[in-house]
C-alpha atoms as a PDB file:
ATOM      1  CA  MET A   1      37.355  20.277  -9.713  1.00  0.00           C
ATOM      2  CA  SER A   2      38.529  18.358  -6.658  1.00  0.00           C
ATOM      3  CA  GLY A   3      36.408  15.699  -4.947  1.00  0.00           C
ATOM      4  CA  PRO A   4      36.025  17.601  -1.623  1.00  0.00           C
ATOM      5  CA  PHE A   5      34.878  20.727  -3.442  1.00  0.00           C
ATOM      6  CA  LEU A   6      32.243  18.792  -5.381  1.00  0.00           C
ATOM      7  CA  ARG A   7      30.977  17.173  -2.186  1.00  0.00           C
ATOM      8  CA  LYS A   8      30.507  20.631  -0.651  1.00  0.00           C
ATOM      9  CA  LEU A   9      28.733  21.796  -3.788  1.00  0.00           C
ATOM     10  CA  TYR A  10      26.402  18.791  -3.928  1.00  0.00           C
ATOM     11  CA  PRO A  11      23.740  20.064  -1.424  1.00  0.00           C
ATOM     12  CA  LEU A  12      23.497  23.351  -3.352  1.00  0.00           C
ATOM     13  CA  MET A  13      23.070  21.435  -6.604  1.00  0.00           C
ATOM     14  CA  GLN A  14      20.228  19.432  -5.043  1.00  0.00           C
ATOM     15  CA  VAL A  15      18.462  22.616  -3.950  1.00  0.00           C
ATOM     16  CA  CYS A  16      18.799  24.057  -7.464  1.00  0.00           C
ATOM     17  CA  VAL A  17      17.380  20.897  -9.041  1.00  0.00           C
ATOM     18  CA  VAL A  18      14.408  20.969  -6.664  1.00  0.00           C
ATOM     19  CA  ALA A  19      13.828  24.674  -7.366  1.00  0.00           C
ATOM     20  CA  VAL A  20      13.533  23.875 -11.080  1.00  0.00           C
ATOM     21  CA  ALA A  21      11.785  20.493 -10.835  1.00  0.00           C
ATOM     22  CA  VAL A  22       8.904  21.453  -8.527  1.00  0.00           C
ATOM     23  CA  PRO A  23       7.447  24.191 -10.801  1.00  0.00           C
ATOM     24  CA  VAL A  24       7.853  21.960 -13.866  1.00  0.00           C
ATOM     25  CA  LEU A  25       6.080  19.053 -12.168  1.00  0.00           C
ATOM     26  CA  PHE A  26       3.337  21.419 -11.029  1.00  0.00           C
ATOM     27  CA  VAL A  27       2.733  22.563 -14.613  1.00  0.00           C
ATOM     28  CA  PHE A  28       2.609  18.947 -15.858  1.00  0.00           C
ATOM     29  CA  ALA A  29       0.106  18.098 -13.111  1.00  0.00           C
ATOM     30  CA  LEU A  30      -2.153  20.987 -14.110  1.00  0.00           C
ATOM     31  CA  VAL A  31      -2.013  19.991 -17.775  1.00  0.00           C
ATOM     32  CA  ALA A  32      -2.885  16.369 -16.956  1.00  0.00           C
ATOM     33  CA  LEU A  33      -5.737  17.532 -14.732  1.00  0.00           C
ATOM     34  CA  PHE A  34      -7.439  19.869 -17.186  1.00  0.00           C
ATOM     35  CA  VAL A  35      -6.570  18.393 -20.593  1.00  0.00           C
ATOM     36  CA  PRO A  36      -8.422  15.040 -20.921  1.00  0.00           C
ATOM     37  CA  TRP A  37      -6.409  13.645 -23.838  1.00  0.00           C
ATOM     38  CA  VAL A  38      -3.194  13.896 -21.829  1.00  0.00           C
ATOM     39  CA  ARG A  39      -4.479  11.451 -19.230  1.00  0.00           C
ATOM     40  CA  PRO A  40      -3.646   7.764 -19.830  1.00  0.00           C
ATOM     41  CA  ARG A  41      -6.412   5.167 -20.078  1.00  0.00           C
ATOM     42  CA  SER A  42      -8.132   4.053 -16.895  1.00  0.00           C
ATOM     43  CA  ASN A  43      -8.045   0.377 -15.962  1.00  0.00           C
ATOM     44  CA  ALA A  44     -10.558   0.727 -13.137  1.00  0.00           C
ATOM     45  CA  VAL A  45     -13.174  -2.018 -12.867  1.00  0.00           C
ATOM     46  CA  LYS A  46     -16.356   0.051 -12.757  1.00  0.00           C
ATOM     47  CA  ALA A  47     -18.701  -2.583 -11.327  1.00  0.00           C
ATOM     48  CA  PRO A  48     -16.574  -5.219  -9.584  1.00  0.00           C
ATOM     49  CA  LYS A  49     -18.232  -8.558  -8.874  1.00  0.00           C
ATOM     50  CA  SER A  50     -15.470 -10.421  -7.058  1.00  0.00           C
ATOM     51  CA  VAL A  51     -12.988  -8.860  -4.593  1.00  0.00           C
ATOM     52  CA  VAL A  52     -10.131 -10.426  -2.607  1.00  0.00           C
ATOM     53  CA  ILE A  53      -8.780  -8.690   0.508  1.00  0.00           C
ATOM     54  CA  THR A  54      -5.842  -9.939   2.563  1.00  0.00           C
ATOM     55  CA  GLY A  55      -5.132  -8.670   6.070  1.00  0.00           C
ATOM     56  CA  ALA A  56      -8.910  -8.571   6.423  1.00  0.00           C
ATOM     57  CA  SER A  57      -9.251  -9.452  10.105  1.00  0.00           C
ATOM     58  CA  SER A  58      -8.865  -5.889  11.435  1.00  0.00           C
ATOM     59  CA  GLY A  59      -8.092  -2.249  10.680  1.00  0.00           C
ATOM     60  CA  ILE A  60      -8.170  -0.957   7.120  1.00  0.00           C
ATOM     61  CA  GLY A  61      -8.642  -4.454   5.703  1.00  0.00           C
ATOM     62  CA  GLU A  62     -11.778  -5.066   7.765  1.00  0.00           C
ATOM     63  CA  ALA A  63     -13.193  -1.647   6.878  1.00  0.00           C
ATOM     64  CA  LEU A  64     -12.622  -2.363   3.172  1.00  0.00           C
ATOM     65  CA  VAL A  65     -14.476  -5.663   3.489  1.00  0.00           C
ATOM     66  CA  TYR A  66     -17.564  -3.859   4.840  1.00  0.00           C
ATOM     67  CA  HIS A  67     -17.371  -1.266   2.061  1.00  0.00           C
ATOM     68  CA  TYR A  68     -17.395  -3.861  -0.710  1.00  0.00           C
ATOM     69  CA  ALA A  69     -20.055  -5.905   1.108  1.00  0.00           C
ATOM     70  CA  ARG A  70     -22.371  -2.895   0.647  1.00  0.00           C
ATOM     71  CA  LEU A  71     -21.709  -2.501  -3.084  1.00  0.00           C
ATOM     72  CA  PRO A  72     -24.648  -3.886  -5.119  1.00  0.00           C
ATOM     73  CA  SER A  73     -22.347  -5.099  -7.907  1.00  0.00           C
ATOM     74  CA  VAL A  74     -20.167  -7.251  -5.629  1.00  0.00           C
ATOM     75  CA  HIS A  75     -21.399 -10.846  -5.497  1.00  0.00           C
ATOM     76  CA  CYS A  76     -18.341 -12.461  -3.906  1.00  0.00           C
ATOM     77  CA  ILE A  77     -15.850 -11.242  -1.285  1.00  0.00           C
ATOM     78  CA  SER A  78     -12.879 -13.404  -0.359  1.00  0.00           C
ATOM     79  CA  ILE A  79     -11.248 -12.437   2.925  1.00  0.00           C
ATOM     80  CA  VAL A  80      -7.836 -13.648   4.055  1.00  0.00           C
ATOM     81  CA  GLY A  81      -6.095 -13.528   7.412  1.00  0.00           C
ATOM     82  CA  ARG A  82      -4.532 -15.671  10.130  1.00  0.00           C
ATOM     83  CA  ASN A  83      -7.269 -15.276  12.741  1.00  0.00           C
ATOM     84  CA  ARG A  84     -10.105 -17.674  11.862  1.00  0.00           C
ATOM     85  CA  GLU A  85     -12.335 -16.466  14.692  1.00  0.00           C
ATOM     86  CA  ARG A  86     -12.113 -12.820  13.619  1.00  0.00           C
ATOM     87  CA  LEU A  87     -12.678 -13.682   9.951  1.00  0.00           C
ATOM     88  CA  ASN A  88     -15.817 -15.678  10.798  1.00  0.00           C
ATOM     89  CA  ILE A  89     -17.179 -12.755  12.833  1.00  0.00           C
ATOM     90  CA  ILE A  90     -16.553 -10.438   9.873  1.00  0.00           C
ATOM     91  CA  LYS A  91     -18.225 -12.945   7.548  1.00  0.00           C
ATOM     92  CA  GLU A  92     -21.325 -12.997   9.761  1.00  0.00           C
ATOM     93  CA  LYS A  93     -21.493  -9.185   9.740  1.00  0.00           C
ATOM     94  CA  CYS A  94     -21.264  -9.166   5.943  1.00  0.00           C
ATOM     95  CA  VAL A  95     -24.087 -11.708   5.677  1.00  0.00           C
ATOM     96  CA  GLU A  96     -26.217  -9.514   7.949  1.00  0.00           C
ATOM     97  CA  MET A  97     -25.498  -6.607   5.582  1.00  0.00           C
ATOM     98  CA  GLY A  98     -26.878  -8.639   2.692  1.00  0.00           C
ATOM     99  CA  ALA A  99     -23.594  -9.591   1.056  1.00  0.00           C
ATOM    100  CA  GLY A 100     -23.452 -12.514  -1.351  1.00  0.00           C
ATOM    101  CA  VAL A 101     -20.788 -15.225  -1.223  1.00  0.00           C
ATOM    102  CA  ILE A 102     -18.128 -14.739   1.464  1.00  0.00           C
ATOM    103  CA  ASN A 103     -15.052 -16.957   1.101  1.00  0.00           C
ATOM    104  CA  VAL A 104     -12.825 -17.243   4.161  1.00  0.00           C
ATOM    105  CA  GLY A 105      -9.159 -18.101   3.685  1.00  0.00           C
ATOM    106  CA  VAL A 106      -7.086 -18.719   6.807  1.00  0.00           C
ATOM    107  CA  PHE A 107      -3.473 -18.503   5.639  1.00  0.00           C
ATOM    108  CA  ASP A 108      -0.077 -17.188   6.514  1.00  0.00           C
ATOM    109  CA  VAL A 109       0.540 -15.564   3.131  1.00  0.00           C
ATOM    110  CA  VAL A 110       4.301 -16.102   3.488  1.00  0.00           C
ATOM    111  CA  LYS A 111       4.691 -19.536   5.072  1.00  0.00           C
ATOM    112  CA  GLU A 112       1.762 -21.176   3.268  1.00  0.00           C
ATOM    113  CA  ARG A 113       2.496 -19.853  -0.202  1.00  0.00           C
ATOM    114  CA  LYS A 114       1.508 -22.938  -2.214  1.00  0.00           C
ATOM    115  CA  GLU A 115      -1.739 -23.547  -0.338  1.00  0.00           C
ATOM    116  CA  PHE A 116      -2.620 -19.858  -0.602  1.00  0.00           C
ATOM    117  CA  GLU A 117      -1.868 -19.804  -4.334  1.00  0.00           C
ATOM    118  CA  GLU A 118      -4.098 -22.830  -4.946  1.00  0.00           C
ATOM    119  CA  TRP A 119      -6.910 -21.178  -2.946  1.00  0.00           C
ATOM    120  CA  LEU A 120      -6.601 -17.919  -4.920  1.00  0.00           C
ATOM    121  CA  LEU A 121      -6.709 -19.704  -8.261  1.00  0.00           C
ATOM    122  CA  ASP A 122      -9.715 -21.742  -7.125  1.00  0.00           C
ATOM    123  CA  VAL A 123     -11.566 -18.572  -6.041  1.00  0.00           C
ATOM    124  CA  ASP A 124     -10.775 -17.021  -9.411  1.00  0.00           C
ATOM    125  CA  GLN A 125     -12.042 -20.132 -11.206  1.00  0.00           C
ATOM    126  CA  GLN A 126     -15.270 -20.244  -9.197  1.00  0.00           C
ATOM    127  CA  SER A 127     -16.059 -16.540  -9.659  1.00  0.00           C
ATOM    128  CA  GLU A 128     -18.527 -15.777 -12.441  1.00  0.00           C
ATOM    129  CA  SER A 129     -16.089 -13.676 -14.475  1.00  0.00           C
ATOM    130  CA  GLY A 130     -12.957 -14.099 -12.378  1.00  0.00           C
ATOM    131  CA  ILE A 131     -11.617 -11.922  -9.588  1.00  0.00           C
ATOM    132  CA  ASP A 132     -11.889  -8.209 -10.388  1.00  0.00           C
ATOM    133  CA  ILE A 133      -9.955  -6.526  -7.562  1.00  0.00           C
ATOM    134  CA  VAL A 134      -7.198  -7.869  -5.333  1.00  0.00           C
ATOM    135  CA  ILE A 135      -6.254  -5.756  -2.300  1.00  0.00           C
ATOM    136  CA  ALA A 136      -2.936  -6.954  -0.866  1.00  0.00           C
ATOM    137  CA  ASN A 137      -3.281  -5.414   2.569  1.00  0.00           C
ATOM    138  CA  ALA A 138      -1.558  -7.945   4.863  1.00  0.00           C
ATOM    139  CA  GLY A 139       1.363  -6.344   6.706  1.00  0.00           C
ATOM    140  CA  VAL A 140       3.138  -6.032  10.039  1.00  0.00           C
ATOM    141  CA  ASN A 141       5.144  -3.459  11.937  1.00  0.00           C
ATOM    142  CA  CYS A 142       7.156  -4.582  14.951  1.00  0.00           C
ATOM    143  CA  ASN A 143       8.125  -1.048  16.026  1.00  0.00           C
ATOM    144  CA  THR A 144      11.829  -1.613  15.497  1.00  0.00           C
ATOM    145  CA  ASN A 145      14.385   1.206  15.659  1.00  0.00           C
ATOM    146  CA  GLU A 146      17.963   1.995  14.703  1.00  0.00           C
ATOM    147  CA  ALA A 147      19.409   0.129  17.700  1.00  0.00           C
ATOM    148  CA  SER A 148      17.420  -3.054  17.168  1.00  0.00           C
ATOM    149  CA  LEU A 149      19.951  -4.879  15.011  1.00  0.00           C
ATOM    150  CA  SER A 150      22.180  -5.386  18.040  1.00  0.00           C
ATOM    151  CA  SER A 151      20.090  -8.403  19.131  1.00  0.00           C
ATOM    152  CA  SER A 152      19.143 -11.571  17.247  1.00  0.00           C
ATOM    153  CA  GLU A 153      15.553 -11.259  18.444  1.00  0.00           C
ATOM    154  CA  GLU A 154      15.186  -7.868  16.806  1.00  0.00           C
ATOM    155  CA  THR A 155      16.833  -8.978  13.551  1.00  0.00           C
ATOM    156  CA  ASP A 156      14.196 -11.719  13.407  1.00  0.00           C
ATOM    157  CA  GLN A 157      11.570  -8.964  13.646  1.00  0.00           C
ATOM    158  CA  TYR A 158      13.214  -7.206  10.704  1.00  0.00           C
ATOM    159  CA  ARG A 159      12.962 -10.414   8.683  1.00  0.00           C
ATOM    160  CA  GLU A 160       9.305 -10.856   9.640  1.00  0.00           C
ATOM    161  CA  ILE A 161       8.517  -7.315   8.478  1.00  0.00           C
ATOM    162  CA  MET A 162      10.313  -7.799   5.155  1.00  0.00           C
ATOM    163  CA  ASP A 163       8.781 -11.240   4.543  1.00  0.00           C
ATOM    164  CA  THR A 164       5.189 -10.243   5.319  1.00  0.00           C
ATOM    165  CA  ASN A 165       5.211  -6.783   3.751  1.00  0.00           C
ATOM    166  CA  ILE A 166       7.082  -7.723   0.571  1.00  0.00           C
ATOM    167  CA  ILE A 167       6.991 -11.489  -0.013  1.00  0.00           C
ATOM    168  CA  GLY A 168       3.414 -11.683   1.275  1.00  0.00           C
ATOM    169  CA  VAL A 169       2.310  -9.109  -1.312  1.00  0.00           C
ATOM    170  CA  ASN A 170       4.188 -10.962  -4.057  1.00  0.00           C
ATOM    171  CA  ASN A 171       2.489 -14.227  -3.086  1.00  0.00           C
ATOM    172  CA  THR A 172      -0.880 -12.469  -3.319  1.00  0.00           C
ATOM    173  CA  ILE A 173      -0.564 -10.884  -6.749  1.00  0.00           C
ATOM    174  CA  PHE A 174       1.825 -13.066  -8.778  1.00  0.00           C
ATOM    175  CA  PRO A 175      -0.498 -16.109  -9.164  1.00  0.00           C
ATOM    176  CA  LEU A 176      -3.270 -13.927 -10.597  1.00  0.00           C
ATOM    177  CA  ILE A 177      -1.319 -11.624 -12.937  1.00  0.00           C
ATOM    178  CA  PRO A 178      -1.389 -14.135 -15.852  1.00  0.00           C
ATOM    179  CA  ARG A 179      -5.164 -14.555 -15.530  1.00  0.00           C
ATOM    180  CA  PHE A 180      -5.776 -10.811 -15.360  1.00  0.00           C
ATOM    181  CA  LEU A 181      -3.615 -10.334 -18.448  1.00  0.00           C
ATOM    182  CA  GLU A 182      -5.516 -13.065 -20.272  1.00  0.00           C
ATOM    183  CA  ARG A 183      -8.826 -11.352 -19.490  1.00  0.00           C
ATOM    184  CA  LYS A 184      -7.329  -7.865 -20.049  1.00  0.00           C
ATOM    185  CA  LYS A 185      -9.164  -6.718 -16.935  1.00  0.00           C
ATOM    186  CA  GLY A 186      -8.610  -6.361 -13.209  1.00  0.00           C
ATOM    187  CA  GLN A 187      -6.983  -4.244 -10.530  1.00  0.00           C
ATOM    188  CA  PHE A 188      -4.266  -4.949  -8.002  1.00  0.00           C
ATOM    189  CA  VAL A 189      -4.143  -2.675  -4.966  1.00  0.00           C
ATOM    190  CA  LEU A 190      -0.958  -2.820  -2.871  1.00  0.00           C
ATOM    191  CA  MET A 191      -0.587  -1.438   0.648  1.00  0.00           C
ATOM    192  CA  SER A 192       2.409   0.863   0.919  1.00  0.00           C
ATOM    193  CA  SER A 193       2.776   3.834   3.307  1.00  0.00           C
ATOM    194  CA  LEU A 194       3.805   7.474   3.490  1.00  0.00           C
ATOM    195  CA  ALA A 195       6.870   6.036   5.247  1.00  0.00           C
ATOM    196  CA  ALA A 196       8.026   5.047   1.747  1.00  0.00           C
ATOM    197  CA  PHE A 197       8.609   8.664   0.703  1.00  0.00           C
ATOM    198  CA  SER A 198      11.433   9.611   3.066  1.00  0.00           C
ATOM    199  CA  PRO A 199      13.974   7.907   5.374  1.00  0.00           C
ATOM    200  CA  SER A 200      12.808   6.789   8.811  1.00  0.00           C
ATOM    201  CA  VAL A 201      14.911   6.269  11.922  1.00  0.00           C
ATOM    202  CA  ILE A 202      11.885   5.085  13.881  1.00  0.00           C
ATOM    203  CA  ASP A 203      10.918   2.086  11.718  1.00  0.00           C
ATOM    204  CA  PRO A 204      13.645   1.566   9.105  1.00  0.00           C
ATOM    205  CA  ALA A 205      12.605  -1.998   8.197  1.00  0.00           C
ATOM    206  CA  TYR A 206       8.939  -1.041   7.821  1.00  0.00           C
ATOM    207  CA  SER A 207       9.839   2.025   5.753  1.00  0.00           C
ATOM    208  CA  ALA A 208      12.149   0.005   3.494  1.00  0.00           C
ATOM    209  CA  SER A 209       9.488  -2.661   2.915  1.00  0.00           C
ATOM    210  CA  LYS A 210       6.950  -0.015   1.926  1.00  0.00           C
ATOM    211  CA  VAL A 211       9.402   1.568  -0.535  1.00  0.00           C
ATOM    212  CA  ALA A 212       9.639  -1.829  -2.244  1.00  0.00           C
ATOM    213  CA  ILE A 213       5.856  -2.126  -2.515  1.00  0.00           C
ATOM    214  CA  LEU A 214       5.442   1.435  -3.788  1.00  0.00           C
ATOM    215  CA  MET A 215       8.004   0.880  -6.550  1.00  0.00           C
ATOM    216  CA  LEU A 216       6.615  -2.567  -7.397  1.00  0.00           C
ATOM    217  CA  SER A 217       3.138  -1.113  -7.866  1.00  0.00           C
ATOM    218  CA  ARG A 218       4.287   1.848  -9.948  1.00  0.00           C
ATOM    219  CA  ASN A 219       6.558  -0.276 -12.142  1.00  0.00           C
ATOM    220  CA  LEU A 220       3.924  -2.944 -12.808  1.00  0.00           C
ATOM    221  CA  ARG A 221       1.336  -0.234 -13.434  1.00  0.00           C
ATOM    222  CA  ALA A 222       3.486   1.186 -16.240  1.00  0.00           C
ATOM    223  CA  LEU A 223       4.319  -2.292 -17.554  1.00  0.00           C
ATOM    224  CA  TYR A 224       0.736  -3.572 -17.794  1.00  0.00           C
ATOM    225  CA  ARG A 225      -1.282  -0.385 -18.391  1.00  0.00           C
ATOM    226  CA  SER A 226      -1.792  -1.112 -22.093  1.00  0.00           C
ATOM    227  CA  ASP A 227      -2.898  -4.670 -21.234  1.00  0.00           C
ATOM    228  CA  GLY A 228      -5.916  -3.463 -19.260  1.00  0.00           C
ATOM    229  CA  VAL A 229      -4.563  -4.415 -15.818  1.00  0.00           C
ATOM    230  CA  GLY A 230      -4.399  -1.707 -13.160  1.00  0.00           C
ATOM    231  CA  PHE A 231      -2.056  -1.275 -10.204  1.00  0.00           C
ATOM    232  CA  THR A 232      -2.606   1.144  -7.345  1.00  0.00           C
ATOM    233  CA  ALA A 233      -0.463   1.778  -4.273  1.00  0.00           C
ATOM    234  CA  ILE A 234      -2.084   2.931  -1.038  1.00  0.00           C
ATOM    235  CA  ALA A 235       0.185   5.234   0.982  1.00  0.00           C
ATOM    236  CA  PRO A 236      -1.584   6.134   4.228  1.00  0.00           C
ATOM    237  CA  GLY A 237      -0.228   8.163   7.084  1.00  0.00           C
ATOM    238  CA  PHE A 238      -1.366   7.318  10.598  1.00  0.00           C
ATOM    239  CA  VAL A 239      -4.770   5.617  10.679  1.00  0.00           C
ATOM    240  CA  LYS A 240      -6.384   4.505  13.922  1.00  0.00           C
ATOM    241  CA  THR A 241      -6.179   0.712  13.772  1.00  0.00           C
ATOM    242  CA  PRO A 242      -4.918  -2.094  16.045  1.00  0.00           C
ATOM    243  CA  LEU A 243      -1.543  -1.633  14.317  1.00  0.00           C
ATOM    244  CA  THR A 244      -1.196   2.012  15.358  1.00  0.00           C
ATOM    245  CA  ASP A 245      -2.689   1.306  18.783  1.00  0.00           C
ATOM    246  CA  LYS A 246       0.635  -0.386  19.565  1.00  0.00           C
ATOM    247  CA  ASN A 247       2.459   2.944  19.159  1.00  0.00           C
ATOM    248  CA  VAL A 248       2.201   3.854  22.837  1.00  0.00           C
ATOM    249  CA  GLY A 249       3.962   7.155  23.571  1.00  0.00           C
ATOM    250  CA  PHE A 250       4.761   7.583  19.864  1.00  0.00           C
ATOM    251  CA  PRO A 251       3.605  10.836  18.196  1.00  0.00           C
ATOM    252  CA  MET A 252       1.142  10.236  15.351  1.00  0.00           C
ATOM    253  CA  PRO A 253       0.333  13.571  13.688  1.00  0.00           C
ATOM    254  CA  PHE A 254      -2.877  13.891  11.663  1.00  0.00           C
ATOM    255  CA  LEU A 255      -4.199  10.531  12.964  1.00  0.00           C
ATOM    256  CA  MET A 256      -7.180   9.602  10.783  1.00  0.00           C
ATOM    257  CA  ASP A 257     -10.299   7.571  11.489  1.00  0.00           C
ATOM    258  CA  VAL A 258     -10.307   4.233   9.650  1.00  0.00           C
ATOM    259  CA  ASN A 259     -13.716   4.850   8.034  1.00  0.00           C
ATOM    260  CA  GLU A 260     -12.579   8.187   6.637  1.00  0.00           C
ATOM    261  CA  ALA A 261      -9.441   6.504   5.306  1.00  0.00           C
ATOM    262  CA  THR A 262     -11.560   3.783   3.683  1.00  0.00           C
ATOM    263  CA  LYS A 263     -13.604   6.373   1.762  1.00  0.00           C
ATOM    264  CA  ILE A 264     -10.412   7.911   0.360  1.00  0.00           C
ATOM    265  CA  ILE A 265      -8.999   4.503  -0.564  1.00  0.00           C
ATOM    266  CA  THR A 266     -12.105   3.177  -2.305  1.00  0.00           C
ATOM    267  CA  THR A 267     -12.584   6.424  -4.234  1.00  0.00           C
ATOM    268  CA  GLY A 268      -8.982   6.204  -5.409  1.00  0.00           C
ATOM    269  CA  ILE A 269      -9.410   2.573  -6.463  1.00  0.00           C
ATOM    270  CA  ALA A 270     -12.574   3.443  -8.419  1.00  0.00           C
ATOM    271  CA  ASN A 271     -10.635   6.217 -10.186  1.00  0.00           C
ATOM    272  CA  ASP A 272      -7.616   3.977 -10.899  1.00  0.00           C
ATOM    273  CA  GLN A 273      -5.229   6.311  -9.060  1.00  0.00           C
ATOM    274  CA  SER A 274      -1.562   5.426  -9.263  1.00  0.00           C
ATOM    275  CA  VAL A 275      -0.879   6.328  -5.613  1.00  0.00           C
ATOM    276  CA  ILE A 276      -3.531   7.035  -2.973  1.00  0.00           C
ATOM    277  CA  SER A 277      -1.799   9.083  -0.273  1.00  0.00           C
ATOM    278  CA  PHE A 278      -3.418  10.708   2.752  1.00  0.00           C
ATOM    279  CA  PRO A 279      -3.945  12.731   4.865  1.00  0.00           C
ATOM    280  CA  LEU A 280      -3.015  15.727   2.709  1.00  0.00           C
ATOM    281  CA  PRO A 281      -0.852  17.626   5.272  1.00  0.00           C
ATOM    282  CA  MET A 282       1.251  14.538   6.012  1.00  0.00           C
ATOM    283  CA  SER A 283       1.460  13.676   2.306  1.00  0.00           C
ATOM    284  CA  LEU A 284       2.865  17.113   1.500  1.00  0.00           C
ATOM    285  CA  ILE A 285       5.376  16.952   4.353  1.00  0.00           C
ATOM    286  CA  THR A 286       6.733  13.519   3.362  1.00  0.00           C
ATOM    287  CA  TYR A 287       6.719  14.372  -0.346  1.00  0.00           C
ATOM    288  CA  PHE A 288       8.771  17.529   0.033  1.00  0.00           C
ATOM    289  CA  ALA A 289      11.040  15.826   2.583  1.00  0.00           C
ATOM    290  CA  SER A 290      12.124  13.534  -0.250  1.00  0.00           C
ATOM    291  CA  PHE A 291      13.605  16.583  -2.005  1.00  0.00           C
ATOM    292  CA  VAL A 292      15.614  17.768   1.007  1.00  0.00           C
ATOM    293  CA  PRO A 293      19.386  17.440   0.406  1.00  0.00           C
ATOM    294  CA  ASP A 294      20.808  14.310   2.024  1.00  0.00           C
ATOM    295  CA  ASP A 295      23.261  16.161   4.277  1.00  0.00           C
ATOM    296  CA  ILE A 296      20.478  18.289   5.765  1.00  0.00           C
ATOM    297  CA  LEU A 297      18.155  15.306   6.147  1.00  0.00           C
ATOM    298  CA  ASP A 298      20.882  13.263   7.854  1.00  0.00           C
ATOM    299  CA  LEU A 299      21.451  16.116  10.295  1.00  0.00           C
ATOM    300  CA  VAL A 300      17.741  16.375  11.141  1.00  0.00           C
ATOM    301  CA  LEU A 301      17.288  12.623  11.532  1.00  0.00           C
ATOM    302  CA  GLY A 302      20.421  12.399  13.670  1.00  0.00           C
ATOM    303  CA  ARG A 303      18.996  14.994  16.038  1.00  0.00           C
ATOM    304  CA  LEU A 304      15.724  13.068  16.232  1.00  0.00           C
ATOM    305  CA  ILE A 305      17.604   9.967  17.331  1.00  0.00           C
ATOM    306  CA  ASN A 306      19.438  11.834  20.071  1.00  0.00           C
ATOM    307  CA  ALA A 307      16.425  13.872  21.215  1.00  0.00           C
END
């Protein structure tokens, strides 16, 4: 068969693969749901004592801090961010709620890697049985678009997104992986996004960075499952936070309250979910969009750019 003919046939082949794959995956999901012995072991820490949360000064990170401050089992919460004033306010609120030890770490998780690593290892050493859960939540989104790379200022924003959302997560989890493996216990929770499931012409750098985090979490989860160390990726849609408040004039379907999102996230962490995605309607849309043939998806995205 000639090359041009195969290229024309390719979209049809994709549709056929999807038509077969979706029912098969659905059957596997049902089997895993209702047959207990099919499910792999859970590495969830049932009664965590020490929790670390980066990106804790606002939004989802702040809401997660308050959740763990209320848990009777948690004796130590270590919060990380760049805004010392905000972190101290959050610390005071946690103390008022009756929380135990609150460690405050003021770091740029990318530029101050060594200092941050030393602080993490010290927190782990000082904790009664070591850190139990690490939530790598620090991230940025500069609202770039497909035309941004035409200016040096915007390419710098791309680099900032990639550095914070990928390297920042690496700097948070890599120092502690050996200690978790030694103890054969602990959970890493990485902040991805529903933007990782399909191409984006609105925020290509942000989307690409979240793909990296999603794959990192899933790969390390498979690698270390038998060693007792858990990995979970959080893939939220639009959640009302200071980050999404910047999206002026930008449509945000199924926008969710941050407290509702926190309940979904913490339940997923407690159940050692591989990927915590929400809200459901947006999750389904982005998931099935990943199966759309490339030619059709390119056409749709091209029209969105020119709309």
